C-alpha atoms as a PDB file:
ATOM      1  CA  MET A   1     -33.295  49.936  -9.407  1.00  0.00           C
ATOM      2  CA  ASN A   2     -31.975  53.315  -8.669  1.00  0.00           C
ATOM      3  CA  ALA A   3     -33.941  56.389  -9.029  1.00  0.00           C
ATOM      4  CA  ASP A   4     -32.510  57.499 -12.607  1.00  0.00           C
ATOM      5  CA  GLU A   5     -33.589  53.862 -13.886  1.00  0.00           C
ATOM      6  CA  GLU A   6     -36.730  54.113 -12.014  1.00  0.00           C
ATOM      7  CA  ARG A   7     -37.345  57.477 -13.749  1.00  0.00           C
ATOM      8  CA  GLN A   8     -36.439  56.043 -17.187  1.00  0.00           C
ATOM      9  CA  PHE A   9     -38.743  52.908 -16.677  1.00  0.00           C
ATOM     10  CA  ARG A  10     -41.697  55.217 -15.650  1.00  0.00           C
ATOM     11  CA  GLU A  11     -41.036  57.382 -18.919  1.00  0.00           C
ATOM     12  CA  PHE A  12     -41.222  54.452 -20.920  1.00  0.00           C
ATOM     13  CA  VAL A  13     -44.495  53.001 -19.503  1.00  0.00           C
ATOM     14  CA  ALA A  14     -45.889  56.708 -19.761  1.00  0.00           C
ATOM     15  CA  ALA A  15     -44.915  56.766 -23.570  1.00  0.00           C
ATOM     16  CA  ARG A  16     -45.635  53.404 -24.769  1.00  0.00           C
ATOM     17  CA  SER A  17     -48.089  51.635 -22.377  1.00  0.00           C
ATOM     18  CA  ARG A  18     -51.161  52.559 -24.757  1.00  0.00           C
ATOM     19  CA  SER A  19     -49.602  50.824 -27.868  1.00  0.00           C
ATOM     20  CA  LEU A  20     -48.549  48.263 -25.678  1.00  0.00           C
ATOM     21  CA  LEU A  21     -52.318  47.859 -24.144  1.00  0.00           C
ATOM     22  CA  HIS A  22     -53.374  47.472 -27.735  1.00  0.00           C
ATOM     23  CA  THR A  23     -51.347  44.949 -28.618  1.00  0.00           C
ATOM     24  CA  ALA A  24     -52.280  42.913 -25.356  1.00  0.00           C
ATOM     25  CA  TYR A  25     -55.951  43.330 -26.447  1.00  0.00           C
ATOM     26  CA  LEU A  26     -55.147  41.749 -29.562  1.00  0.00           C
ATOM     27  CA  LEU A  27     -53.602  39.005 -28.097  1.00  0.00           C
ATOM     28  CA  THR A  28     -56.127  38.049 -25.493  1.00  0.00           C
ATOM     29  CA  GLY A  29     -59.271  39.572 -27.443  1.00  0.00           C
ATOM     30  CA  ASP A  30     -60.312  40.880 -24.117  1.00  0.00           C
ATOM     31  CA  TRP A  31     -59.490  44.548 -22.651  1.00  0.00           C
ATOM     32  CA  GLU A  32     -59.210  43.347 -18.928  1.00  0.00           C
ATOM     33  CA  GLN A  33     -57.269  40.326 -20.028  1.00  0.00           C
ATOM     34  CA  GLY A  34     -54.930  42.447 -22.192  1.00  0.00           C
ATOM     35  CA  ARG A  35     -54.257  44.990 -19.055  1.00  0.00           C
ATOM     36  CA  ASP A  36     -53.682  42.086 -16.663  1.00  0.00           C
ATOM     37  CA  LEU A  37     -51.226  40.721 -19.600  1.00  0.00           C
ATOM     38  CA  LEU A  38     -49.585  44.342 -19.745  1.00  0.00           C
ATOM     39  CA  GLN A  39     -49.215  44.570 -16.007  1.00  0.00           C
ATOM     40  CA  THR A  40     -47.510  41.095 -15.888  1.00  0.00           C
ATOM     41  CA  ALA A  41     -45.075  41.895 -18.634  1.00  0.00           C
ATOM     42  CA  LEU A  42     -44.433  45.375 -17.251  1.00  0.00           C
ATOM     43  CA  ALA A  43     -43.823  44.045 -13.865  1.00  0.00           C
ATOM     44  CA  ALA A  44     -41.341  41.297 -15.499  1.00  0.00           C
ATOM     45  CA  THR A  45     -39.355  44.301 -17.185  1.00  0.00           C
ATOM     46  CA  ALA A  46     -39.152  46.270 -14.129  1.00  0.00           C
ATOM     47  CA  ARG A  47     -37.703  43.648 -12.269  1.00  0.00           C
ATOM     48  CA  ARG A  48     -35.169  43.329 -15.108  1.00  0.00           C
ATOM     49  CA  TRP A  49     -34.728  47.215 -16.265  1.00  0.00           C
ATOM     50  CA  SER A  50     -31.231  47.677 -14.771  1.00  0.00           C
ATOM     51  CA  ARG A  51     -29.826  44.501 -16.587  1.00  0.00           C
ATOM     52  CA  LEU A  52     -31.274  45.312 -19.944  1.00  0.00           C
ATOM     53  CA  ARG A  53     -28.395  45.443 -22.581  1.00  0.00           C
ATOM     54  CA  ASP A  54     -30.045  47.920 -24.965  1.00  0.00           C
ATOM     55  CA  ARG A  55     -31.746  50.652 -23.147  1.00  0.00           C
ATOM     56  CA  GLU A  56     -32.625  52.256 -26.486  1.00  0.00           C
ATOM     57  CA  GLN A  57     -35.065  48.966 -27.240  1.00  0.00           C
ATOM     58  CA  PRO A  58     -36.879  48.035 -24.229  1.00  0.00           C
ATOM     59  CA  GLU A  59     -40.406  47.727 -26.162  1.00  0.00           C
ATOM     60  CA  ILE A  60     -38.732  44.588 -27.864  1.00  0.00           C
ATOM     61  CA  TYR A  61     -38.388  43.135 -24.276  1.00  0.00           C
ATOM     62  CA  VAL A  62     -41.899  44.154 -23.157  1.00  0.00           C
ATOM     63  CA  ARG A  63     -43.478  42.785 -26.333  1.00  0.00           C
ATOM     64  CA  ARG A  64     -41.615  39.647 -26.030  1.00  0.00           C
ATOM     65  CA  ALA A  65     -42.726  39.357 -22.340  1.00  0.00           C
ATOM     66  CA  LEU A  66     -46.370  39.980 -23.442  1.00  0.00           C
ATOM     67  CA  TYR A  67     -46.150  37.089 -25.826  1.00  0.00           C
ATOM     68  CA  HIS A  68     -44.567  34.604 -23.566  1.00  0.00           C
ATOM     69  CA  ALA A  69     -47.107  35.768 -20.532  1.00  0.00           C
ATOM     70  CA  GLN A  70     -50.012  35.244 -22.824  1.00  0.00           C
ATOM     71  CA  VAL A  71     -48.469  31.626 -23.897  1.00  0.00           C
ATOM     72  CA  ASP A  72     -47.893  30.675 -20.345  1.00  0.00           C
ATOM     73  CA  ARG A  73     -51.474  32.200 -19.276  1.00  0.00           C
ATOM     74  CA  PHE A  74     -53.221  30.145 -22.029  1.00  0.00           C
ATOM     75  CA  ARG A  75     -51.483  26.998 -20.814  1.00  0.00           C
ATOM     76  CA  LEU A  76     -52.710  27.697 -17.252  1.00  0.00           C
ATOM     77  CA  LEU A  77     -56.396  28.514 -18.095  1.00  0.00           C
ATOM     78  CA  SER A  78     -57.133  26.710 -21.273  1.00  0.00           C
ATOM     79  CA  TRP A  79     -58.778  24.107 -19.488  1.00  0.00           C
ATOM     80  CA  GLY A  80     -61.615  26.377 -17.891  1.00  0.00           C
ATOM     81  CA  ARG A  81     -61.916  28.578 -21.045  1.00  0.00           C
ATOM     82  CA  GLU A  82     -65.320  29.907 -21.694  1.00  0.00           C
ATOM     83  CA  THR A  83     -66.808  30.068 -25.482  1.00  0.00           C
ATOM     84  CA  VAL A  84     -68.558  32.535 -27.240  1.00  0.00           C
ATOM     85  CA  THR A  85     -72.159  31.950 -28.390  1.00  0.00           C
ATOM     86  CA  ASP A  86     -73.040  32.717 -32.345  1.00  0.00           C
ATOM     87  CA  THR A  87     -76.313  34.299 -31.022  1.00  0.00           C
ATOM     88  CA  LEU A  88     -76.780  37.933 -31.980  1.00  0.00           C
ATOM     89  CA  PRO A  89     -79.284  40.493 -30.309  1.00  0.00           C
ATOM     90  CA  ASP A  90     -82.224  41.919 -32.162  1.00  0.00           C
ATOM     91  CA  GLN A  91     -81.649  44.627 -34.615  1.00  0.00           C
ATOM     92  CA  PRO A  92     -84.221  47.633 -33.575  1.00  0.00           C
ATOM     93  CA  SER A  93     -83.778  49.436 -36.588  1.00  0.00           C
ATOM     94  CA  ALA A  94     -82.411  49.810 -40.183  1.00  0.00           C
ATOM     95  CA  GLN A  95     -79.910  52.656 -38.825  1.00  0.00           C
ATOM     96  CA  ALA A  96     -78.769  50.307 -35.932  1.00  0.00           C
ATOM     97  CA  ALA A  97     -78.553  47.387 -38.221  1.00  0.00           C
ATOM     98  CA  ASP A  98     -75.371  49.258 -39.761  1.00  0.00           C
ATOM     99  CA  TRP A  99     -73.819  49.699 -36.479  1.00  0.00           C
ATOM    100  CA  ALA A 100     -74.732  46.258 -35.438  1.00  0.00           C
ATOM    101  CA  ASP A 101     -73.172  44.808 -38.542  1.00  0.00           C
ATOM    102  CA  THR A 102     -70.196  46.619 -37.720  1.00  0.00           C
ATOM    103  CA  VAL A 103     -70.324  45.213 -34.140  1.00  0.00           C
ATOM    104  CA  VAL A 104     -70.729  41.593 -35.524  1.00  0.00           C
ATOM    105  CA  GLN A 105     -68.125  41.987 -37.828  1.00  0.00           C
ATOM    106  CA  ARG A 106     -65.506  42.939 -35.074  1.00  0.00           C
ATOM    107  CA  GLN A 107     -66.502  39.886 -33.087  1.00  0.00           C
ATOM    108  CA  ASP A 108     -66.386  37.766 -36.069  1.00  0.00           C
ATOM    109  CA  ILE A 109     -62.768  38.963 -36.557  1.00  0.00           C
ATOM    110  CA  MET A 110     -61.838  38.571 -32.979  1.00  0.00           C
ATOM    111  CA  ALA A 111     -63.610  35.239 -32.894  1.00  0.00           C
ATOM    112  CA  ALA A 112     -61.078  34.141 -35.606  1.00  0.00           C
ATOM    113  CA  LEU A 113     -58.276  35.593 -34.003  1.00  0.00           C
ATOM    114  CA  ARG A 114     -59.125  33.835 -30.978  1.00  0.00           C
ATOM    115  CA  ARG A 115     -59.137  30.473 -32.777  1.00  0.00           C
ATOM    116  CA  LEU A 116     -55.800  30.760 -34.083  1.00  0.00           C
ATOM    117  CA  PRO A 117     -52.750  29.268 -32.297  1.00  0.00           C
ATOM    118  CA  LYS A 118     -50.847  31.652 -30.508  1.00  0.00           C
ATOM    119  CA  ARG A 119     -47.603  32.042 -32.306  1.00  0.00           C
ATOM    120  CA  GLN A 120     -49.867  32.667 -35.454  1.00  0.00           C
ATOM    121  CA  ARG A 121     -52.194  35.071 -33.425  1.00  0.00           C
ATOM    122  CA  ALA A 122     -48.860  37.066 -32.515  1.00  0.00           C
ATOM    123  CA  VAL A 123     -47.544  37.256 -35.769  1.00  0.00           C
ATOM    124  CA  ILE A 124     -50.773  38.422 -37.136  1.00  0.00           C
ATOM    125  CA  VAL A 125     -50.927  41.116 -34.344  1.00  0.00           C
ATOM    126  CA  LEU A 126     -47.485  42.349 -34.808  1.00  0.00           C
ATOM    127  CA  ARG A 127     -47.582  42.507 -38.725  1.00  0.00           C
ATOM    128  CA  TYR A 128     -50.959  43.689 -39.614  1.00  0.00           C
ATOM    129  CA  PHE A 129     -52.028  45.636 -36.526  1.00  0.00           C
ATOM    130  CA  GLU A 130     -48.634  47.088 -35.400  1.00  0.00           C
ATOM    131  CA  ASP A 131     -47.196  47.266 -38.864  1.00  0.00           C
ATOM    132  CA  ARG A 132     -43.784  45.677 -37.762  1.00  0.00           C
ATOM    133  CA  PRO A 133     -41.403  44.163 -40.285  1.00  0.00           C
ATOM    134  CA  ASP A 134     -40.695  40.311 -40.299  1.00  0.00           C
ATOM    135  CA  ALA A 135     -37.194  40.970 -38.844  1.00  0.00           C
ATOM    136  CA  GLU A 136     -38.612  42.619 -35.676  1.00  0.00           C
ATOM    137  CA  ILE A 137     -41.350  40.236 -35.501  1.00  0.00           C
ATOM    138  CA  ALA A 138     -38.696  37.508 -35.378  1.00  0.00           C
ATOM    139  CA  ALA A 139     -36.616  39.226 -32.915  1.00  0.00           C
ATOM    140  CA  ILE A 140     -39.762  39.888 -30.689  1.00  0.00           C
ATOM    141  CA  LEU A 141     -40.928  36.357 -30.751  1.00  0.00           C
ATOM    142  CA  GLY A 142     -37.339  35.002 -30.749  1.00  0.00           C
ATOM    143  CA  VAL A 143     -37.886  32.886 -34.065  1.00  0.00           C
ATOM    144  CA  ALA A 144     -36.477  32.722 -37.342  1.00  0.00           C
ATOM    145  CA  GLN A 145     -37.806  35.454 -40.406  1.00  0.00           C
ATOM    146  CA  GLY A 146     -38.873  32.149 -42.141  1.00  0.00           C
ATOM    147  CA  THR A 147     -40.942  31.052 -39.401  1.00  0.00           C
ATOM    148  CA  VAL A 148     -42.651  34.368 -39.238  1.00  0.00           C
ATOM    149  CA  ARG A 149     -43.538  34.025 -42.924  1.00  0.00           C
ATOM    150  CA  SER A 150     -44.830  30.557 -42.929  1.00  0.00           C
ATOM    151  CA  GLN A 151     -46.802  31.228 -39.409  1.00  0.00           C
ATOM    152  CA  THR A 152     -48.395  34.526 -41.365  1.00  0.00           C
ATOM    153  CA  HIS A 153     -49.278  32.210 -44.317  1.00  0.00           C
ATOM    154  CA  LYS A 154     -50.922  29.602 -42.341  1.00  0.00           C
ATOM    155  CA  ALA A 155     -52.584  32.032 -39.718  1.00  0.00           C
ATOM    156  CA  LEU A 156     -53.990  34.145 -42.970  1.00  0.00           C
ATOM    157  CA  ALA A 157     -55.209  30.974 -44.681  1.00  0.00           C
ATOM    158  CA  SER A 158     -57.017  29.959 -41.557  1.00  0.00           C
ATOM    159  CA  LEU A 159     -58.489  33.575 -40.909  1.00  0.00           C
ATOM    160  CA  ARG A 160     -59.942  33.251 -44.434  1.00  0.00           C
ATOM    161  CA  THR A 161     -61.377  30.093 -44.024  1.00  0.00           C
ATOM    162  CA  THR A 162     -62.930  30.858 -40.434  1.00  0.00           C
ATOM    163  CA  LEU A 163     -64.475  34.229 -41.695  1.00  0.00           C
ATOM    164  CA  ALA A 164     -65.888  32.453 -44.706  1.00  0.00           C
ATOM    165  CA  GLU A 165     -67.629  29.993 -42.748  1.00  0.00           C
ATOM    166  CA  ALA A 166     -68.875  32.765 -40.351  1.00  0.00           C
ATOM    167  CA  GLY A 167     -71.149  33.829 -43.382  1.00  0.00           C
ATOM    168  CA  PRO A 168     -72.583  37.105 -44.607  1.00  0.00           C
ATOM    169  CA  SER A 169     -71.698  39.006 -41.384  1.00  0.00           C
ATOM    170  CA  THR A 170     -68.322  39.464 -42.596  1.00  0.00           C
ATOM    171  CA  ASP A 171     -67.492  40.306 -46.146  1.00  0.00           C
ATOM    172  CA  SER A 172     -64.329  40.166 -47.792  1.00  0.00           C
ATOM    173  CA  SER A 173     -63.627  43.678 -47.863  1.00  0.00           C
ATOM    174  CA  THR A 174     -63.874  43.862 -44.141  1.00  0.00           C
ATOM    175  CA  ALA A 175     -61.470  41.034 -43.522  1.00  0.00           C
ATOM    176  CA  SER A 176     -58.861  42.330 -46.152  1.00  0.00           C
ATOM    177  CA  SER A 177     -59.298  45.907 -44.679  1.00  0.00           C
ATOM    178  CA  THR A 178     -58.944  44.220 -41.147  1.00  0.00           C
ATOM    179  CA  ALA A 179     -55.923  42.227 -41.946  1.00  0.00           C
ATOM    180  CA  SER A 180     -54.228  45.288 -43.023  1.00  0.00           C
ATOM    181  CA  GLY A 181     -54.393  47.053 -39.992  1.00  0.00           C
ATOM    182  CA  ARG A 182     -57.003  49.593 -41.171  1.00  0.00           C
ATOM    183  CA  GLY A 183     -59.890  47.564 -39.855  1.00  0.00           C
ATOM    184  CA  ALA A 184     -62.875  47.269 -37.419  1.00  0.00           C
ATOM    185  CA  VAL A 185     -60.680  46.085 -34.467  1.00  0.00           C
ATOM    186  CA  ALA A 186     -60.678  48.756 -31.820  1.00  0.00           C
END
């Protein structure tokens, strides 16, 4: 990579890393794992930066690298994965209970996202948290637009079922607002 290409790459990372980190977090369900995933994807992008055909759209390449790195990581680490418990801490006051409900709703939503297969999770993240159209999601994931739509349908059905089973801590208005990208997931 020459000096000009390195400058372009650094500018890209500075401009887009926050959005990319948010996507990585949503794909992994954990900020530290999301940072590691983003670092892996950016390292792969840096190695190929000089060969990218469309310098105007490197973000699609990075997002595809994020998705594929997450799938690879899942395959390598799936046998030793820890599970989250359903036990909640005590709620000391009514005011704290409201905040605690919000936290519990976030946890329920993130747990439901983690239960989705990787492709379905990627489609939900790209569609509802990043507000991307079907064509762009299909390009990022390297699948057909029909596959994006069918995976979205299956993922939403699974999320509805999972959140309904979670009980009263997650009501339907929270699940709906989160699915539209304006919810409690930070």
